[in-house]
Amino acid sequence: MLASWNQNVSSNRKMRGDEGDIIKAHAIKEDRDRANAEAKAEALAAKSKKGMNYTVNELYRRILKVEKLSDRVHGFGGNTNGNLLDDLKSLNQF
């Protein structure tokens, strides 16, 4: 059992090379992981910045839409002075 384990370890060591290659491979993997993490962080920052601009534009469009609807509703009630509380009081008097 110990002989088969030793043989398996020896064959694996031959396959991957000597100990120096393991250290080099680990360093390369760390560099690659670090580069991937930086790329993801940059992509996330760009996406959030883009989303922020989109949100500002979207809010501006919504404000314009609400103002347009407000103008339509303002003229809908007939002779209104623009004060909502007065309009509600006048409706409650009927």
PDB file of N, CA and C in Angstrom:
ATOM      1  N   MET A   1       0.828  -1.180   0.000  1.00  0.00           N
ATOM      2  CA  MET A   1       0.000   0.000   0.000  1.00  0.00           C
ATOM      3  C   MET A   1       0.880   1.255   0.000  1.00  0.00           C
ATOM      4  N   LEU A   2       1.885   1.283   0.817  1.00  0.00           N
ATOM      5  CA  LEU A   2       2.802   2.414   0.858  1.00  0.00           C
ATOM      6  C   LEU A   2       3.597   2.513  -0.438  1.00  0.00           C
ATOM      7  N   ALA A   3       3.928   1.395  -1.023  1.00  0.00           N
ATOM      8  CA  ALA A   3       4.679   1.387  -2.278  1.00  0.00           C
ATOM      9  C   ALA A   3       3.830   1.968  -3.411  1.00  0.00           C
ATOM     10  N   SER A   4       2.542   1.634  -3.451  1.00  0.00           N
ATOM     11  CA  SER A   4       1.674   2.158  -4.508  1.00  0.00           C
ATOM     12  C   SER A   4       1.464   3.670  -4.327  1.00  0.00           C
ATOM     13  N   TRP A   5       1.366   4.121  -3.079  1.00  0.00           N
ATOM     14  CA  TRP A   5       1.229   5.554  -2.818  1.00  0.00           C
ATOM     15  C   TRP A   5       2.490   6.285  -3.267  1.00  0.00           C
ATOM     16  N   ASN A   6       3.650   5.736  -2.947  1.00  0.00           N
ATOM     17  CA  ASN A   6       4.926   6.337  -3.338  1.00  0.00           C
ATOM     18  C   ASN A   6       5.059   6.384  -4.861  1.00  0.00           C
ATOM     19  N   GLN A   7       4.630   5.344  -5.514  1.00  0.00           N
ATOM     20  CA  GLN A   7       4.689   5.301  -6.975  1.00  0.00           C
ATOM     21  C   GLN A   7       3.748   6.364  -7.563  1.00  0.00           C
ATOM     22  N   ASN A   8       2.575   6.521  -6.983  1.00  0.00           N
ATOM     23  CA  ASN A   8       1.606   7.519  -7.447  1.00  0.00           C
ATOM     24  C   ASN A   8       2.157   8.939  -7.257  1.00  0.00           C
ATOM     25  N   VAL A   9       2.782   9.185  -6.118  1.00  0.00           N
ATOM     26  CA  VAL A   9       3.389  10.489  -5.855  1.00  0.00           C
ATOM     27  C   VAL A   9       4.512  10.752  -6.833  1.00  0.00           C
ATOM     28  N   SER A  10       5.324   9.752  -7.088  1.00  0.00           N
ATOM     29  CA  SER A  10       6.446   9.917  -8.019  1.00  0.00           C
ATOM     30  C   SER A  10       5.960  10.212  -9.432  1.00  0.00           C
ATOM     31  N   SER A  11       4.913   9.517  -9.867  1.00  0.00           N
ATOM     32  CA  SER A  11       4.404   9.758 -11.220  1.00  0.00           C
ATOM     33  C   SER A  11       3.779  11.152 -11.320  1.00  0.00           C
ATOM     34  N   ASN A  12       3.090  11.577 -10.268  1.00  0.00           N
ATOM     35  CA  ASN A  12       2.523  12.930 -10.282  1.00  0.00           C
ATOM     36  C   ASN A  12       3.611  13.988 -10.302  1.00  0.00           C
ATOM     37  N   ARG A  13       4.674  13.767  -9.561  1.00  0.00           N
ATOM     38  CA  ARG A  13       5.782  14.713  -9.515  1.00  0.00           C
ATOM     39  C   ARG A  13       6.469  14.794 -10.878  1.00  0.00           C
ATOM     40  N   LYS A  14       6.602  13.673 -11.557  1.00  0.00           N
ATOM     41  CA  LYS A  14       7.212  13.673 -12.889  1.00  0.00           C
ATOM     42  C   LYS A  14       6.329  14.426 -13.882  1.00  0.00           C
ATOM     43  N   MET A  15       5.014  14.271 -13.723  1.00  0.00           N
ATOM     44  CA  MET A  15       4.083  14.914 -14.628  1.00  0.00           C
ATOM     45  C   MET A  15       4.139  16.437 -14.505  1.00  0.00           C
ATOM     46  N   ARG A  16       4.196  16.939 -13.296  1.00  0.00           N
ATOM     47  CA  ARG A  16       4.140  18.385 -13.109  1.00  0.00           C
ATOM     48  C   ARG A  16       5.505  19.044 -13.058  1.00  0.00           C
ATOM     49  N   GLY A  17       6.569  18.309 -12.982  1.00  0.00           N
ATOM     50  CA  GLY A  17       7.907  18.883 -12.953  1.00  0.00           C
ATOM     51  C   GLY A  17       8.435  18.967 -11.534  1.00  0.00           C
ATOM     52  N   ASP A  18       9.545  19.665 -11.377  1.00  0.00           N
ATOM     53  CA  ASP A  18      10.141  19.754 -10.044  1.00  0.00           C
ATOM     54  C   ASP A  18       9.436  20.808  -9.189  1.00  0.00           C
ATOM     55  N   GLU A  19       9.903  20.982  -7.963  1.00  0.00           N
ATOM     56  CA  GLU A  19       9.237  21.863  -7.000  1.00  0.00           C
ATOM     57  C   GLU A  19       9.236  23.326  -7.444  1.00  0.00           C
ATOM     58  N   GLY A  20      10.248  23.776  -8.151  1.00  0.00           N
ATOM     59  CA  GLY A  20      10.312  25.156  -8.611  1.00  0.00           C
ATOM     60  C   GLY A  20       9.169  25.499  -9.541  1.00  0.00           C
ATOM     61  N   ASP A  21       8.755  24.533 -10.348  1.00  0.00           N
ATOM     62  CA  ASP A  21       7.647  24.775 -11.264  1.00  0.00           C
ATOM     63  C   ASP A  21       6.341  24.996 -10.511  1.00  0.00           C
ATOM     64  N   ILE A  22       6.179  24.355  -9.384  1.00  0.00           N
ATOM     65  CA  ILE A  22       4.960  24.535  -8.594  1.00  0.00           C
ATOM     66  C   ILE A  22       4.885  25.971  -8.084  1.00  0.00           C
ATOM     67  N   ILE A  23       6.000  26.469  -7.612  1.00  0.00           N
ATOM     68  CA  ILE A  23       6.034  27.841  -7.101  1.00  0.00           C
ATOM     69  C   ILE A  23       5.761  28.830  -8.231  1.00  0.00           C
ATOM     70  N   LYS A  24       6.378  28.591  -9.390  1.00  0.00           N
ATOM     71  CA  LYS A  24       6.141  29.464 -10.536  1.00  0.00           C
ATOM     72  C   LYS A  24       4.675  29.408 -10.973  1.00  0.00           C
ATOM     73  N   ALA A  25       4.135  28.198 -11.005  1.00  0.00           N
ATOM     74  CA  ALA A  25       2.741  28.045 -11.404  1.00  0.00           C
ATOM     75  C   ALA A  25       1.812  28.760 -10.428  1.00  0.00           C
ATOM     76  N   HIS A  26       2.124  28.667  -9.140  1.00  0.00           N
ATOM     77  CA  HIS A  26       1.306  29.338  -8.131  1.00  0.00           C
ATOM     78  C   HIS A  26       1.386  30.860  -8.298  1.00  0.00           C
ATOM     79  N   ALA A  27       2.577  31.379  -8.571  1.00  0.00           N
ATOM     80  CA  ALA A  27       2.749  32.821  -8.773  1.00  0.00           C
ATOM     81  C   ALA A  27       1.998  33.287 -10.014  1.00  0.00           C
ATOM     82  N   ILE A  28       2.058  32.508 -11.078  1.00  0.00           N
ATOM     83  CA  ILE A  28       1.334  32.851 -12.306  1.00  0.00           C
ATOM     84  C   ILE A  28      -0.168  32.862 -12.058  1.00  0.00           C
ATOM     85  N   LYS A  29      -0.640  31.865 -11.289  1.00  0.00           N
ATOM     86  CA  LYS A  29      -2.066  31.795 -10.973  1.00  0.00           C
ATOM     87  C   LYS A  29      -2.494  32.996 -10.139  1.00  0.00           C
ATOM     88  N   GLU A  30      -1.678  33.397  -9.179  1.00  0.00           N
ATOM     89  CA  GLU A  30      -1.998  34.569  -8.359  1.00  0.00           C
ATOM     90  C   GLU A  30      -2.054  35.836  -9.211  1.00  0.00           C
ATOM     91  N   ASP A  31      -1.103  35.991 -10.132  1.00  0.00           N
ATOM     92  CA  ASP A  31      -1.099  37.153 -11.017  1.00  0.00           C
ATOM     93  C   ASP A  31      -2.352  37.179 -11.889  1.00  0.00           C
ATOM     94  N   ARG A  32      -2.717  36.021 -12.418  1.00  0.00           N
ATOM     95  CA  ARG A  32      -3.905  35.924 -13.262  1.00  0.00           C
ATOM     96  C   ARG A  32      -5.165  36.248 -12.466  1.00  0.00           C
ATOM     97  N   ASP A  33      -5.257  35.722 -11.229  1.00  0.00           N
ATOM     98  CA  ASP A  33      -6.409  36.000 -10.382  1.00  0.00           C
ATOM     99  C   ASP A  33      -6.492  37.485 -10.023  1.00  0.00           C
ATOM    100  N   ARG A  34      -5.343  38.094  -9.741  1.00  0.00           N
ATOM    101  CA  ARG A  34      -5.309  39.513  -9.416  1.00  0.00           C
ATOM    102  C   ARG A  34      -5.760  40.348 -10.616  1.00  0.00           C
ATOM    103  N   ALA A  35      -5.293  39.987 -11.807  1.00  0.00           N
ATOM    104  CA  ALA A  35      -5.679  40.711 -13.018  1.00  0.00           C
ATOM    105  C   ALA A  35      -7.175  40.563 -13.279  1.00  0.00           C
ATOM    106  N   ASN A  36      -7.702  39.370 -13.068  1.00  0.00           N
ATOM    107  CA  ASN A  36      -9.141  39.149 -13.250  1.00  0.00           C
ATOM    108  C   ASN A  36      -9.945  39.969 -12.248  1.00  0.00           C
ATOM    109  N   ALA A  37      -9.482  40.034 -11.007  1.00  0.00           N
ATOM    110  CA  ALA A  37     -10.189  40.803  -9.988  1.00  0.00           C
ATOM    111  C   ALA A  37     -10.184  42.292 -10.334  1.00  0.00           C
ATOM    112  N   GLU A  38      -9.042  42.797 -10.825  1.00  0.00           N
ATOM    113  CA  GLU A  38      -8.971  44.201 -11.231  1.00  0.00           C
ATOM    114  C   GLU A  38      -9.886  44.480 -12.412  1.00  0.00           C
ATOM    115  N   ALA A  39      -9.935  43.557 -13.373  1.00  0.00           N
ATOM    116  CA  ALA A  39     -10.811  43.740 -14.531  1.00  0.00           C
ATOM    117  C   ALA A  39     -12.276  43.745 -14.107  1.00  0.00           C
ATOM    118  N   LYS A  40     -12.631  42.861 -13.173  1.00  0.00           N
ATOM    119  CA  LYS A  40     -14.011  42.841 -12.687  1.00  0.00           C
ATOM    120  C   LYS A  40     -14.353  44.122 -11.950  1.00  0.00           C
ATOM    121  N   ALA A  41     -13.415  44.631 -11.157  1.00  0.00           N
ATOM    122  CA  ALA A  41     -13.656  45.878 -10.417  1.00  0.00           C
ATOM    123  C   ALA A  41     -13.836  47.051 -11.379  1.00  0.00           C
ATOM    124  N   GLU A  42     -13.012  47.101 -12.424  1.00  0.00           N
ATOM    125  CA  GLU A  42     -13.143  48.173 -13.417  1.00  0.00           C
ATOM    126  C   GLU A  42     -14.472  48.072 -14.156  1.00  0.00           C
ATOM    127  N   ALA A  43     -14.867  46.858 -14.515  1.00  0.00           N
ATOM    128  CA  ALA A  43     -16.139  46.666 -15.212  1.00  0.00           C
ATOM    129  C   ALA A  43     -17.309  47.072 -14.317  1.00  0.00           C
ATOM    130  N   LEU A  44     -17.235  46.727 -13.042  1.00  0.00           N
ATOM    131  CA  LEU A  44     -18.292  47.092 -12.107  1.00  0.00           C
ATOM    132  C   LEU A  44     -18.366  48.604 -11.926  1.00  0.00           C
ATOM    133  N   ALA A  45     -17.208  49.258 -11.839  1.00  0.00           N
ATOM    134  CA  ALA A  45     -17.191  50.713 -11.700  1.00  0.00           C
ATOM    135  C   ALA A  45     -17.771  51.385 -12.943  1.00  0.00           C
ATOM    136  N   ALA A  46     -17.411  50.880 -14.113  1.00  0.00           N
ATOM    137  CA  ALA A  46     -17.945  51.443 -15.356  1.00  0.00           C
ATOM    138  C   ALA A  46     -19.446  51.217 -15.442  1.00  0.00           C
ATOM    139  N   LYS A  47     -19.890  50.054 -15.019  1.00  0.00           N
ATOM    140  CA  LYS A  47     -21.320  49.744 -15.069  1.00  0.00           C
ATOM    141  C   LYS A  47     -22.094  50.630 -14.111  1.00  0.00           C
ATOM    142  N   SER A  48     -21.572  50.830 -12.902  1.00  0.00           N
ATOM    143  CA  SER A  48     -22.281  51.671 -11.937  1.00  0.00           C
ATOM    144  C   SER A  48     -22.289  53.122 -12.392  1.00  0.00           C
ATOM    145  N   LYS A  49     -21.190  53.582 -13.020  1.00  0.00           N
ATOM    146  CA  LYS A  49     -21.158  54.945 -13.528  1.00  0.00           C
ATOM    147  C   LYS A  49     -22.162  55.104 -14.665  1.00  0.00           C
ATOM    148  N   LYS A  50     -22.221  54.125 -15.529  1.00  0.00           N
ATOM    149  CA  LYS A  50     -23.175  54.164 -16.627  1.00  0.00           C
ATOM    150  C   LYS A  50     -24.587  54.132 -16.081  1.00  0.00           C
ATOM    151  N   GLY A  51     -24.830  53.302 -15.088  1.00  0.00           N
ATOM    152  CA  GLY A  51     -26.150  53.227 -14.480  1.00  0.00           C
ATOM    153  C   GLY A  51     -26.541  54.532 -13.827  1.00  0.00           C
ATOM    154  N   MET A  52     -25.574  55.231 -13.241  1.00  0.00           N
ATOM    155  CA  MET A  52     -25.870  56.503 -12.594  1.00  0.00           C
ATOM    156  C   MET A  52     -26.299  57.532 -13.641  1.00  0.00           C
ATOM    157  N   ASN A  53     -25.593  57.591 -14.750  1.00  0.00           N
ATOM    158  CA  ASN A  53     -25.975  58.522 -15.812  1.00  0.00           C
ATOM    159  C   ASN A  53     -27.336  58.151 -16.370  1.00  0.00           C
ATOM    160  N   TYR A  54     -27.578  56.892 -16.532  1.00  0.00           N
ATOM    161  CA  TYR A  54     -28.867  56.439 -17.036  1.00  0.00           C
ATOM    162  C   TYR A  54     -29.974  56.819 -16.069  1.00  0.00           C
ATOM    163  N   THR A  55     -29.721  56.681 -14.800  1.00  0.00           N
ATOM    164  CA  THR A  55     -30.729  57.004 -13.804  1.00  0.00           C
ATOM    165  C   THR A  55     -31.036  58.489 -13.812  1.00  0.00           C
ATOM    166  N   VAL A  56     -30.026  59.326 -13.952  1.00  0.00           N
ATOM    167  CA  VAL A  56     -30.249  60.765 -14.000  1.00  0.00           C
ATOM    168  C   VAL A  56     -31.077  61.115 -15.229  1.00  0.00           C
ATOM    169  N   ASN A  57     -30.723  60.537 -16.357  1.00  0.00           N
ATOM    170  CA  ASN A  57     -31.489  60.803 -17.583  1.00  0.00           C
ATOM    171  C   ASN A  57     -32.915  60.294 -17.455  1.00  0.00           C
ATOM    172  N   GLU A  58     -33.056  59.120 -16.879  1.00  0.00           N
ATOM    173  CA  GLU A  58     -34.390  58.554 -16.714  1.00  0.00           C
ATOM    174  C   GLU A  58     -35.232  59.417 -15.779  1.00  0.00           C
ATOM    175  N   LEU A  59     -34.650  59.888 -14.695  1.00  0.00           N
ATOM    176  CA  LEU A  59     -35.385  60.766 -13.786  1.00  0.00           C
ATOM    177  C   LEU A  59     -35.785  62.063 -14.470  1.00  0.00           C
ATOM    178  N   TYR A  60     -34.906  62.602 -15.272  1.00  0.00           N
ATOM    179  CA  TYR A  60     -35.232  63.829 -16.005  1.00  0.00           C
ATOM    180  C   TYR A  60     -36.417  63.599 -16.935  1.00  0.00           C
ATOM    181  N   ARG A  61     -36.408  62.486 -17.653  1.00  0.00           N
ATOM    182  CA  ARG A  61     -37.529  62.168 -18.543  1.00  0.00           C
ATOM    183  C   ARG A  61     -38.830  61.997 -17.763  1.00  0.00           C
ATOM    184  N   ARG A  62     -38.739  61.356 -16.611  1.00  0.00           N
ATOM    185  CA  ARG A  62     -39.944  61.158 -15.798  1.00  0.00           C
ATOM    186  C   ARG A  62     -40.477  62.481 -15.265  1.00  0.00           C
ATOM    187  N   ILE A  63     -39.576  63.375 -14.871  1.00  0.00           N
ATOM    188  CA  ILE A  63     -40.021  64.689 -14.394  1.00  0.00           C
ATOM    189  C   ILE A  63     -40.729  65.437 -15.508  1.00  0.00           C
ATOM    190  N   LEU A  64     -40.171  65.391 -16.716  1.00  0.00           N
ATOM    191  CA  LEU A  64     -40.829  66.053 -17.840  1.00  0.00           C
ATOM    192  C   LEU A  64     -42.199  65.441 -18.119  1.00  0.00           C
ATOM    193  N   LYS A  65     -42.292  64.135 -17.998  1.00  0.00           N
ATOM    194  CA  LYS A  65     -43.562  63.455 -18.236  1.00  0.00           C
ATOM    195  C   LYS A  65     -44.588  63.855 -17.181  1.00  0.00           C
ATOM    196  N   VAL A  66     -44.168  63.929 -15.930  1.00  0.00           N
ATOM    197  CA  VAL A  66     -45.085  64.317 -14.857  1.00  0.00           C
ATOM    198  C   VAL A  66     -45.529  65.765 -15.035  1.00  0.00           C
ATOM    199  N   GLU A  67     -44.610  66.643 -15.442  1.00  0.00           N
ATOM    200  CA  GLU A  67     -44.997  68.031 -15.680  1.00  0.00           C
ATOM    201  C   GLU A  67     -46.019  68.139 -16.800  1.00  0.00           C
ATOM    202  N   LYS A  68     -45.825  67.357 -17.835  1.00  0.00           N
ATOM    203  CA  LYS A  68     -46.776  67.375 -18.954  1.00  0.00           C
ATOM    204  C   LYS A  68     -48.145  66.866 -18.497  1.00  0.00           C
ATOM    205  N   LEU A  69     -48.148  65.776 -17.729  1.00  0.00           N
ATOM    206  CA  LEU A  69     -49.409  65.259 -17.209  1.00  0.00           C
ATOM    207  C   LEU A  69     -50.046  66.248 -16.236  1.00  0.00           C
ATOM    208  N   SER A  70     -49.232  66.951 -15.472  1.00  0.00           N
ATOM    209  CA  SER A  70     -49.740  67.950 -14.538  1.00  0.00           C
ATOM    210  C   SER A  70     -50.448  69.072 -15.288  1.00  0.00           C
ATOM    211  N   ASP A  71     -49.884  69.475 -16.405  1.00  0.00           N
ATOM    212  CA  ASP A  71     -50.533  70.509 -17.210  1.00  0.00           C
ATOM    213  C   ASP A  71     -51.880  70.023 -17.735  1.00  0.00           C
ATOM    214  N   ARG A  72     -51.956  68.781 -18.136  1.00  0.00           N
ATOM    215  CA  ARG A  72     -53.224  68.229 -18.619  1.00  0.00           C
ATOM    216  C   ARG A  72     -54.266  68.172 -17.501  1.00  0.00           C
ATOM    217  N   VAL A  73     -53.847  67.718 -16.333  1.00  0.00           N
ATOM    218  CA  VAL A  73     -54.771  67.576 -15.210  1.00  0.00           C
ATOM    219  C   VAL A  73     -55.198  68.947 -14.709  1.00  0.00           C
ATOM    220  N   HIS A  74     -54.320  69.909 -14.756  1.00  0.00           N
ATOM    221  CA  HIS A  74     -54.632  71.253 -14.268  1.00  0.00           C
ATOM    222  C   HIS A  74     -55.811  71.849 -15.047  1.00  0.00           C
ATOM    223  N   GLY A  75     -55.832  71.651 -16.317  1.00  0.00           N
ATOM    224  CA  GLY A  75     -56.926  72.164 -17.133  1.00  0.00           C
ATOM    225  C   GLY A  75     -58.148  71.275 -17.127  1.00  0.00           C
ATOM    226  N   PHE A  76     -58.081  70.124 -16.562  1.00  0.00           N
ATOM    227  CA  PHE A  76     -59.177  69.155 -16.603  1.00  0.00           C
ATOM    228  C   PHE A  76     -60.346  69.582 -15.714  1.00  0.00           C
ATOM    229  N   GLY A  77     -60.077  70.212 -14.582  1.00  0.00           N
ATOM    230  CA  GLY A  77     -61.132  70.537 -13.627  1.00  0.00           C
ATOM    231  C   GLY A  77     -61.930  71.772 -13.957  1.00  0.00           C
ATOM    232  N   GLY A  78     -61.628  72.427 -15.013  1.00  0.00           N
ATOM    233  CA  GLY A  78     -62.363  73.642 -15.371  1.00  0.00           C
ATOM    234  C   GLY A  78     -61.680  74.850 -14.761  1.00  0.00           C
ATOM    235  N   ASN A  79     -62.434  75.653 -14.034  1.00  0.00           N
ATOM    236  CA  ASN A  79     -61.882  76.865 -13.426  1.00  0.00           C
ATOM    237  C   ASN A  79     -61.256  76.528 -12.081  1.00  0.00           C
ATOM    238  N   THR A  80     -60.011  76.200 -12.095  1.00  0.00           N
ATOM    239  CA  THR A  80     -59.307  75.897 -10.846  1.00  0.00           C
ATOM    240  C   THR A  80     -58.243  76.943 -10.637  1.00  0.00           C
ATOM    241  N   ASN A  81     -57.978  77.221  -9.387  1.00  0.00           N
ATOM    242  CA  ASN A  81     -56.944  78.209  -9.082  1.00  0.00           C
ATOM    243  C   ASN A  81     -55.592  77.557  -8.833  1.00  0.00           C
ATOM    244  N   GLY A  82     -55.515  76.257  -8.958  1.00  0.00           N
ATOM    245  CA  GLY A  82     -54.255  75.561  -8.789  1.00  0.00           C
ATOM    246  C   GLY A  82     -53.993  75.110  -7.371  1.00  0.00           C
ATOM    247  N   ASN A  83     -54.901  75.385  -6.449  1.00  0.00           N
ATOM    248  CA  ASN A  83     -54.724  74.975  -5.065  1.00  0.00           C
ATOM    249  C   ASN A  83     -55.549  73.717  -4.825  1.00  0.00           C
ATOM    250  N   LEU A  84     -54.898  72.653  -4.563  1.00  0.00           N
ATOM    251  CA  LEU A  84     -55.560  71.357  -4.432  1.00  0.00           C
ATOM    252  C   LEU A  84     -56.499  71.321  -3.238  1.00  0.00           C
ATOM    253  N   LEU A  85     -56.103  71.913  -2.118  1.00  0.00           N
ATOM    254  CA  LEU A  85     -56.961  71.892  -0.928  1.00  0.00           C
ATOM    255  C   LEU A  85     -58.251  72.654  -1.168  1.00  0.00           C
ATOM    256  N   ASP A  86     -58.188  73.788  -1.837  1.00  0.00           N
ATOM    257  CA  ASP A  86     -59.408  74.537  -2.154  1.00  0.00           C
ATOM    258  C   ASP A  86     -60.313  73.732  -3.074  1.00  0.00           C
ATOM    259  N   ASP A  87     -59.709  73.048  -4.036  1.00  0.00           N
ATOM    260  CA  ASP A  87     -60.503  72.226  -4.945  1.00  0.00           C
ATOM    261  C   ASP A  87     -61.199  71.097  -4.188  1.00  0.00           C
ATOM    262  N   LEU A  88     -60.503  70.471  -3.241  1.00  0.00           N
ATOM    263  CA  LEU A  88     -61.112  69.393  -2.472  1.00  0.00           C
ATOM    264  C   LEU A  88     -62.232  69.934  -1.579  1.00  0.00           C
ATOM    265  N   LYS A  89     -62.025  71.081  -0.983  1.00  0.00           N
ATOM    266  CA  LYS A  89     -63.077  71.683  -0.156  1.00  0.00           C
ATOM    267  C   LYS A  89     -64.311  71.993  -0.980  1.00  0.00           C
ATOM    268  N   SER A  90     -64.106  72.491  -2.187  1.00  0.00           N
ATOM    269  CA  SER A  90     -65.240  72.806  -3.049  1.00  0.00           C
ATOM    270  C   SER A  90     -65.969  71.531  -3.460  1.00  0.00           C
ATOM    271  N   LEU A  91     -65.266  70.446  -3.624  1.00  0.00           N
ATOM    272  CA  LEU A  91     -65.914  69.188  -3.963  1.00  0.00           C
ATOM    273  C   LEU A  91     -66.711  68.640  -2.779  1.00  0.00           C
ATOM    274  N   ASN A  92     -66.218  68.839  -1.573  1.00  0.00           N
ATOM    275  CA  ASN A  92     -66.900  68.323  -0.381  1.00  0.00           C
ATOM    276  C   ASN A  92     -68.138  69.145  -0.041  1.00  0.00           C
ATOM    277  N   GLN A  93     -68.324  70.332  -0.596  1.00  0.00           N
ATOM    278  CA  GLN A  93     -69.492  71.146  -0.286  1.00  0.00           C
ATOM    279  C   GLN A  93     -70.750  70.660  -0.974  1.00  0.00           C
ATOM    280  N   PHE A  94     -70.628  69.847  -1.978  1.00  0.00           N
ATOM    281  CA  PHE A  94     -71.811  69.366  -2.711  1.00  0.00           C
ATOM    282  C   PHE A  94     -72.581  68.383  -1.905  1.00  0.00           C
TER     283      PHE A  94
END
